Amino acid sequence: MEMTSVVRTFVTEKTGKVIVVRLEPGEDILKSIEKIVAENSLQSGHLSLIGAVSRAHLGYFDLEAKVYKDFTIDEDLEIVSCVGNISRLVDDYVVHAHIVASDVNGKCYAGHLMEGCEVSATIEIVITEFPEMKRARDEATGLNLLDL
């Protein structure tokens, strides 16, 4: 029996502000993004960033236990990729981003961006705003997923 899946989409022909930010040494990446979102009254958007950290705090979602598990790497790392989105959950916003960081030998660490990723040299962020995207609780996973 062939399974049919529902493809959920969000389509917009309008984008809003494009915000480019440079973070300084010692700043926390996630806290800084949250501050930028609040100060600019962003409803939702897409973000990407590159740079370097002296500490990375990453997580992954354990689907069976329905909790985020985390780990920390306390060394200089190059952020080779970080992409994510900004959306609304009731009256608050959610920054959901995944990050890949490489050590001096090219070994990569990856996971969910969490508080505690500390800028070493710089972080360069680009945020593109678009119309409001919302999240809703998904009982099957225990996550607040995009409500599309």
N, C-alpha and C. Protein backbone atom coordinates (compact mmCIF):
# COMPACT_ATOMS: atom_id res chain seq x y z
N MET A 1 0.84 -1.18 0.00
CA MET A 1 0.00 0.00 0.00
C MET A 1 0.89 1.25 0.00
N GLU A 2 0.65 2.14 -0.89
CA GLU A 2 1.45 3.34 -1.01
C GLU A 2 1.01 4.38 0.00
N MET A 3 2.00 4.95 0.72
CA MET A 3 1.71 5.99 1.70
C MET A 3 1.74 7.34 1.01
N THR A 4 0.79 8.18 1.33
CA THR A 4 0.81 9.55 0.82
C THR A 4 1.13 10.47 1.98
N SER A 5 1.96 11.44 1.70
CA SER A 5 2.33 12.37 2.75
C SER A 5 1.81 13.76 2.42
N VAL A 6 1.61 14.52 3.46
CA VAL A 6 1.18 15.89 3.30
C VAL A 6 2.42 16.77 3.35
N VAL A 7 2.62 17.55 2.33
CA VAL A 7 3.73 18.49 2.30
C VAL A 7 3.20 19.82 2.81
N ARG A 8 3.73 20.25 3.94
CA ARG A 8 3.27 21.50 4.54
C ARG A 8 4.21 22.62 4.08
N THR A 9 3.65 23.70 3.62
CA THR A 9 4.48 24.78 3.08
C THR A 9 4.04 26.14 3.61
N PHE A 10 4.97 27.06 3.57
CA PHE A 10 4.74 28.47 3.88
C PHE A 10 5.34 29.23 2.72
N VAL A 11 4.54 29.97 1.99
CA VAL A 11 5.01 30.70 0.82
C VAL A 11 4.71 32.18 1.02
N THR A 12 5.71 33.01 0.78
CA THR A 12 5.51 34.45 0.83
C THR A 12 6.25 35.09 -0.34
N GLU A 13 5.68 36.15 -0.85
CA GLU A 13 6.35 36.91 -1.90
C GLU A 13 6.91 38.20 -1.33
N LYS A 14 6.79 38.34 0.00
CA LYS A 14 7.25 39.57 0.64
C LYS A 14 8.31 39.25 1.68
N THR A 15 9.37 40.03 1.64
CA THR A 15 10.34 39.98 2.73
C THR A 15 10.43 41.38 3.32
N GLY A 16 10.86 41.42 4.56
CA GLY A 16 10.97 42.70 5.24
C GLY A 16 12.42 43.12 5.36
N LYS A 17 12.77 43.52 6.56
CA LYS A 17 14.13 44.00 6.83
C LYS A 17 15.16 42.90 6.64
N VAL A 18 16.35 43.32 6.26
CA VAL A 18 17.51 42.44 6.28
C VAL A 18 18.46 43.07 7.30
N ILE A 19 18.78 42.29 8.33
CA ILE A 19 19.60 42.80 9.43
C ILE A 19 20.94 42.07 9.40
N VAL A 20 22.01 42.83 9.36
CA VAL A 20 23.36 42.26 9.38
C VAL A 20 24.01 42.71 10.69
N VAL A 21 24.55 41.75 11.43
CA VAL A 21 25.08 42.02 12.76
C VAL A 21 26.47 41.40 12.90
N ARG A 22 27.34 42.10 13.59
CA ARG A 22 28.64 41.53 13.96
C ARG A 22 28.71 41.46 15.47
N LEU A 23 28.88 40.25 16.00
CA LEU A 23 29.02 40.08 17.45
C LEU A 23 30.48 40.21 17.85
N GLU A 24 30.69 40.62 19.08
CA GLU A 24 32.02 40.85 19.63
C GLU A 24 32.45 39.69 20.53
N PRO A 25 33.75 39.55 20.78
CA PRO A 25 34.23 38.50 21.68
C PRO A 25 33.53 38.54 23.04
N GLY A 26 33.20 37.34 23.52
CA GLY A 26 32.55 37.20 24.81
C GLY A 26 31.04 37.16 24.76
N GLU A 27 30.44 37.60 23.65
CA GLU A 27 28.97 37.59 23.57
C GLU A 27 28.45 36.18 23.37
N ASP A 28 27.24 35.94 23.88
CA ASP A 28 26.56 34.67 23.70
C ASP A 28 25.73 34.75 22.42
N ILE A 29 25.91 33.81 21.51
CA ILE A 29 25.24 33.88 20.21
C ILE A 29 23.72 33.88 20.34
N LEU A 30 23.15 32.90 21.03
CA LEU A 30 21.69 32.79 21.10
C LEU A 30 21.07 33.98 21.83
N LYS A 31 21.65 34.37 22.94
CA LYS A 31 21.12 35.53 23.68
C LYS A 31 21.18 36.79 22.81
N SER A 32 22.25 36.93 22.03
CA SER A 32 22.38 38.09 21.14
C SER A 32 21.32 38.09 20.05
N ILE A 33 21.07 36.92 19.45
CA ILE A 33 20.02 36.83 18.41
C ILE A 33 18.68 37.18 19.02
N GLU A 34 18.38 36.64 20.20
CA GLU A 34 17.10 36.94 20.86
C GLU A 34 16.95 38.43 21.12
N LYS A 35 18.04 39.09 21.51
CA LYS A 35 18.01 40.54 21.76
C LYS A 35 17.75 41.29 20.45
N ILE A 36 18.41 40.88 19.38
CA ILE A 36 18.22 41.51 18.07
C ILE A 36 16.77 41.37 17.61
N VAL A 37 16.21 40.19 17.78
CA VAL A 37 14.81 39.93 17.40
C VAL A 37 13.88 40.87 18.17
N ALA A 38 14.07 40.96 19.49
CA ALA A 38 13.22 41.80 20.32
C ALA A 38 13.38 43.28 19.97
N GLU A 39 14.63 43.74 19.84
CA GLU A 39 14.88 45.16 19.56
C GLU A 39 14.33 45.60 18.21
N ASN A 40 14.24 44.66 17.26
CA ASN A 40 13.75 44.99 15.92
C ASN A 40 12.32 44.54 15.68
N SER A 41 11.66 44.05 16.72
CA SER A 41 10.26 43.61 16.65
C SER A 41 10.01 42.66 15.48
N LEU A 42 10.93 41.70 15.29
CA LEU A 42 10.77 40.74 14.20
C LEU A 42 9.70 39.71 14.56
N GLN A 43 8.85 39.40 13.62
CA GLN A 43 7.83 38.38 13.82
C GLN A 43 8.36 37.00 13.44
N SER A 44 9.08 36.95 12.32
CA SER A 44 9.69 35.70 11.89
C SER A 44 10.74 36.00 10.83
N GLY A 45 11.54 34.98 10.52
CA GLY A 45 12.58 35.19 9.53
C GLY A 45 13.51 34.01 9.42
N HIS A 46 14.52 34.20 8.61
CA HIS A 46 15.55 33.20 8.36
C HIS A 46 16.87 33.80 8.83
N LEU A 47 17.74 32.97 9.40
CA LEU A 47 19.03 33.48 9.82
C LEU A 47 20.15 32.54 9.39
N SER A 48 21.31 33.13 9.19
CA SER A 48 22.53 32.36 8.94
C SER A 48 23.66 33.12 9.59
N LEU A 49 24.69 32.36 9.97
CA LEU A 49 25.83 33.02 10.59
C LEU A 49 27.10 32.19 10.40
N ILE A 50 28.23 32.89 10.47
CA ILE A 50 29.56 32.28 10.45
C ILE A 50 30.44 33.02 11.44
N GLY A 51 31.57 32.45 11.77
CA GLY A 51 32.49 33.11 12.68
C GLY A 51 33.27 32.11 13.50
N ALA A 52 33.57 32.49 14.75
CA ALA A 52 34.39 31.64 15.61
C ALA A 52 33.92 31.76 17.05
N VAL A 53 34.05 30.65 17.77
CA VAL A 53 33.67 30.61 19.18
C VAL A 53 34.80 30.02 20.02
N SER A 54 34.82 30.37 21.29
CA SER A 54 35.76 29.79 22.22
C SER A 54 35.11 28.66 23.02
N ARG A 55 33.80 28.57 22.88
CA ARG A 55 33.03 27.52 23.54
C ARG A 55 31.74 27.32 22.75
N ALA A 56 31.39 26.04 22.56
CA ALA A 56 30.13 25.72 21.88
C ALA A 56 29.28 24.87 22.81
N HIS A 57 28.03 25.25 22.96
CA HIS A 57 27.06 24.48 23.74
C HIS A 57 25.96 24.07 22.76
N LEU A 58 25.93 22.77 22.46
CA LEU A 58 25.03 22.24 21.44
C LEU A 58 24.11 21.19 22.03
N GLY A 59 23.03 20.93 21.31
CA GLY A 59 22.09 19.93 21.79
C GLY A 59 21.52 19.11 20.66
N TYR A 60 20.88 18.05 21.06
CA TYR A 60 20.11 17.24 20.11
C TYR A 60 18.88 16.75 20.84
N PHE A 61 17.81 16.53 20.09
CA PHE A 61 16.54 16.13 20.68
C PHE A 61 16.45 14.61 20.71
N ASP A 62 16.29 14.07 21.90
CA ASP A 62 16.10 12.63 22.09
C ASP A 62 14.61 12.37 21.92
N LEU A 63 14.24 11.84 20.77
CA LEU A 63 12.83 11.64 20.44
C LEU A 63 12.14 10.66 21.38
N GLU A 64 12.88 9.66 21.80
CA GLU A 64 12.29 8.67 22.70
C GLU A 64 11.99 9.27 24.09
N ALA A 65 12.96 10.00 24.63
CA ALA A 65 12.79 10.61 25.96
C ALA A 65 12.05 11.95 25.88
N LYS A 66 11.94 12.51 24.66
CA LYS A 66 11.27 13.79 24.41
C LYS A 66 11.92 14.94 25.19
N VAL A 67 13.26 14.95 25.20
CA VAL A 67 14.01 16.03 25.85
C VAL A 67 15.25 16.35 25.02
N TYR A 68 15.70 17.60 25.16
CA TYR A 68 16.99 17.96 24.56
C TYR A 68 18.11 17.48 25.45
N LYS A 69 19.11 16.85 24.86
CA LYS A 69 20.33 16.49 25.56
C LYS A 69 21.41 17.42 25.00
N ASP A 70 22.37 17.78 25.84
CA ASP A 70 23.34 18.77 25.40
C ASP A 70 24.76 18.35 25.72
N PHE A 71 25.69 19.04 25.05
CA PHE A 71 27.11 18.83 25.30
C PHE A 71 27.84 20.14 25.01
N THR A 72 29.01 20.29 25.64
CA THR A 72 29.79 21.52 25.50
C THR A 72 31.20 21.18 25.03
N ILE A 73 31.71 21.98 24.11
CA ILE A 73 33.08 21.86 23.65
C ILE A 73 33.79 23.15 24.07
N ASP A 74 34.73 23.03 24.99
CA ASP A 74 35.46 24.20 25.50
C ASP A 74 36.80 24.34 24.78
N GLU A 75 36.74 24.77 23.53
CA GLU A 75 37.95 25.04 22.76
C GLU A 75 37.60 25.96 21.60
N ASP A 76 38.61 26.53 20.98
CA ASP A 76 38.38 27.41 19.83
C ASP A 76 37.87 26.59 18.66
N LEU A 77 36.77 27.05 18.09
CA LEU A 77 36.13 26.37 16.96
C LEU A 77 35.73 27.40 15.92
N GLU A 78 35.76 26.98 14.66
CA GLU A 78 35.30 27.80 13.54
C GLU A 78 33.87 27.38 13.23
N ILE A 79 32.96 28.36 13.17
CA ILE A 79 31.58 28.05 12.79
C ILE A 79 31.56 27.97 11.26
N VAL A 80 31.39 26.76 10.75
CA VAL A 80 31.40 26.57 9.30
C VAL A 80 30.01 26.71 8.71
N SER A 81 28.99 26.56 9.55
CA SER A 81 27.63 26.75 9.08
C SER A 81 26.69 26.88 10.27
N CYS A 82 25.74 27.77 10.16
CA CYS A 82 24.65 27.86 11.13
C CYS A 82 23.47 28.48 10.40
N VAL A 83 22.39 27.74 10.35
CA VAL A 83 21.17 28.23 9.72
C VAL A 83 20.00 27.98 10.65
N GLY A 84 18.98 28.80 10.51
CA GLY A 84 17.82 28.61 11.35
C GLY A 84 16.69 29.53 10.98
N ASN A 85 15.67 29.51 11.84
CA ASN A 85 14.54 30.39 11.61
C ASN A 85 14.08 31.02 12.91
N ILE A 86 13.27 32.04 12.75
CA ILE A 86 12.66 32.75 13.86
C ILE A 86 11.17 32.67 13.63
N SER A 87 10.43 32.27 14.66
CA SER A 87 8.98 32.13 14.52
C SER A 87 8.32 32.54 15.83
N ARG A 88 6.99 32.56 15.81
CA ARG A 88 6.21 32.97 16.98
C ARG A 88 5.60 31.76 17.65
N LEU A 89 5.60 31.78 18.98
CA LEU A 89 4.91 30.79 19.79
C LEU A 89 4.08 31.56 20.79
N VAL A 90 2.79 31.65 20.55
CA VAL A 90 1.85 32.46 21.33
C VAL A 90 2.36 33.90 21.31
N ASP A 91 2.72 34.46 22.47
CA ASP A 91 3.17 35.86 22.53
C ASP A 91 4.69 35.99 22.57
N ASP A 92 5.39 34.91 22.34
CA ASP A 92 6.85 34.94 22.39
C ASP A 92 7.41 34.52 21.03
N TYR A 93 8.70 34.56 20.89
CA TYR A 93 9.34 34.13 19.66
C TYR A 93 10.26 32.95 19.96
N VAL A 94 10.57 32.19 18.92
CA VAL A 94 11.46 31.04 19.04
C VAL A 94 12.56 31.19 18.01
N VAL A 95 13.81 31.10 18.46
CA VAL A 95 14.95 31.05 17.56
C VAL A 95 15.36 29.59 17.49
N HIS A 96 15.23 29.01 16.31
CA HIS A 96 15.56 27.59 16.11
C HIS A 96 16.68 27.51 15.08
N ALA A 97 17.87 27.14 15.54
CA ALA A 97 19.02 27.11 14.64
C ALA A 97 19.88 25.88 14.91
N HIS A 98 20.50 25.38 13.87
CA HIS A 98 21.45 24.27 13.96
C HIS A 98 22.80 24.78 13.51
N ILE A 99 23.85 24.27 14.16
CA ILE A 99 25.18 24.82 13.97
C ILE A 99 26.18 23.68 13.75
N VAL A 100 27.17 23.94 12.90
CA VAL A 100 28.29 23.02 12.68
C VAL A 100 29.56 23.81 12.96
N ALA A 101 30.40 23.27 13.84
CA ALA A 101 31.65 23.93 14.22
C ALA A 101 32.81 22.96 14.06
N SER A 102 33.93 23.47 13.57
CA SER A 102 35.10 22.64 13.27
C SER A 102 36.27 23.03 14.16
N ASP A 103 37.01 22.00 14.61
CA ASP A 103 38.23 22.29 15.39
C ASP A 103 39.42 22.46 14.45
N VAL A 104 40.60 22.63 15.01
CA VAL A 104 41.82 22.89 14.24
C VAL A 104 42.15 21.76 13.27
N ASN A 105 41.70 20.54 13.55
CA ASN A 105 41.96 19.39 12.69
C ASN A 105 40.83 19.08 11.72
N GLY A 106 39.79 19.91 11.72
CA GLY A 106 38.67 19.69 10.82
C GLY A 106 37.59 18.79 11.39
N LYS A 107 37.75 18.34 12.62
CA LYS A 107 36.71 17.54 13.25
C LYS A 107 35.52 18.45 13.54
N CYS A 108 34.35 17.99 13.12
CA CYS A 108 33.16 18.82 13.27
C CYS A 108 32.25 18.34 14.39
N TYR A 109 31.64 19.30 15.03
CA TYR A 109 30.61 19.09 16.04
C TYR A 109 29.35 19.79 15.54
N ALA A 110 28.22 19.17 15.73
CA ALA A 110 26.99 19.76 15.21
C ALA A 110 25.85 19.53 16.17
N GLY A 111 24.87 20.42 16.09
CA GLY A 111 23.68 20.25 16.90
C GLY A 111 22.85 21.52 16.95
N HIS A 112 21.90 21.48 17.85
CA HIS A 112 20.98 22.59 18.08
C HIS A 112 21.74 23.71 18.81
N LEU A 113 21.64 24.94 18.32
CA LEU A 113 22.27 26.09 18.95
C LEU A 113 21.62 26.34 20.31
N MET A 114 22.43 26.36 21.36
CA MET A 114 21.92 26.59 22.70
C MET A 114 22.68 27.74 23.36
N GLU A 115 22.12 28.30 24.43
CA GLU A 115 22.84 29.33 25.18
C GLU A 115 24.18 28.77 25.63
N GLY A 116 25.20 29.61 25.60
CA GLY A 116 26.52 29.18 26.04
C GLY A 116 27.53 29.08 24.91
N CYS A 117 27.14 29.44 23.68
CA CYS A 117 28.11 29.51 22.58
C CYS A 117 28.74 30.90 22.64
N GLU A 118 30.00 30.95 23.02
CA GLU A 118 30.67 32.22 23.28
C GLU A 118 31.57 32.63 22.12
N VAL A 119 31.35 33.85 21.63
CA VAL A 119 32.13 34.39 20.51
C VAL A 119 33.59 34.55 20.92
N SER A 120 34.51 34.11 20.03
CA SER A 120 35.94 34.34 20.28
C SER A 120 36.43 35.53 19.46
N ALA A 121 36.46 35.42 18.15
CA ALA A 121 36.92 36.53 17.29
C ALA A 121 35.75 37.39 16.86
N THR A 122 34.80 36.78 16.18
CA THR A 122 33.61 37.49 15.71
C THR A 122 32.56 36.48 15.27
N ILE A 123 31.34 36.93 15.21
CA ILE A 123 30.24 36.19 14.57
C ILE A 123 29.54 37.18 13.66
N GLU A 124 29.31 36.78 12.42
CA GLU A 124 28.60 37.61 11.45
C GLU A 124 27.27 36.95 11.15
N ILE A 125 26.19 37.70 11.41
CA ILE A 125 24.82 37.18 11.30
C ILE A 125 24.08 37.96 10.23
N VAL A 126 23.29 37.23 9.43
CA VAL A 126 22.36 37.86 8.50
C VAL A 126 20.97 37.30 8.80
N ILE A 127 20.03 38.21 9.08
CA ILE A 127 18.65 37.82 9.35
C ILE A 127 17.77 38.48 8.30
N THR A 128 16.94 37.68 7.63
CA THR A 128 15.98 38.19 6.67
C THR A 128 14.58 37.99 7.24
N GLU A 129 13.89 39.08 7.42
CA GLU A 129 12.54 39.06 8.00
C GLU A 129 11.51 38.69 6.93
N PHE A 130 10.50 37.95 7.34
CA PHE A 130 9.34 37.73 6.49
C PHE A 130 8.09 37.63 7.34
N PRO A 131 6.90 37.59 6.70
CA PRO A 131 5.66 37.59 7.48
C PRO A 131 5.60 36.47 8.52
N GLU A 132 4.77 36.69 9.49
CA GLU A 132 4.71 35.84 10.68
C GLU A 132 4.51 34.35 10.39
N MET A 133 5.40 33.57 10.97
CA MET A 133 5.33 32.12 10.96
C MET A 133 5.08 31.71 12.40
N LYS A 134 4.18 30.76 12.63
CA LYS A 134 3.83 30.38 13.99
C LYS A 134 4.21 28.93 14.28
N ARG A 135 4.34 28.64 15.57
CA ARG A 135 4.60 27.29 16.06
C ARG A 135 3.42 26.83 16.91
N ALA A 136 3.26 25.52 16.96
CA ALA A 136 2.23 24.92 17.81
C ALA A 136 2.78 23.62 18.38
N ARG A 137 2.28 23.26 19.54
CA ARG A 137 2.72 22.04 20.22
C ARG A 137 2.30 20.82 19.42
N ASP A 138 3.26 19.92 19.20
CA ASP A 138 3.00 18.64 18.54
C ASP A 138 3.08 17.57 19.63
N GLU A 139 1.95 16.98 19.95
CA GLU A 139 1.90 16.02 21.06
C GLU A 139 2.70 14.75 20.76
N ALA A 140 2.79 14.37 19.50
CA ALA A 140 3.52 13.13 19.15
C ALA A 140 5.00 13.24 19.47
N THR A 141 5.60 14.42 19.24
CA THR A 141 7.03 14.58 19.47
C THR A 141 7.34 15.33 20.77
N GLY A 142 6.37 16.11 21.25
CA GLY A 142 6.62 16.97 22.42
C GLY A 142 7.32 18.26 22.04
N LEU A 143 7.42 18.56 20.75
CA LEU A 143 8.09 19.76 20.27
C LEU A 143 7.09 20.81 19.83
N ASN A 144 7.52 22.06 19.81
CA ASN A 144 6.74 23.14 19.23
C ASN A 144 7.17 23.28 17.78
N LEU A 145 6.40 22.68 16.89
CA LEU A 145 6.75 22.64 15.47
C LEU A 145 6.09 23.77 14.71
N LEU A 146 6.64 24.08 13.52
CA LEU A 146 6.00 25.07 12.67
C LEU A 146 4.58 24.66 12.38
N ASP A 147 3.66 25.60 12.51
CA ASP A 147 2.24 25.35 12.30
C ASP A 147 1.89 25.74 10.86
N LEU A 148 2.12 24.80 9.98
CA LEU A 148 1.89 25.05 8.54
C LEU A 148 0.70 24.26 8.04
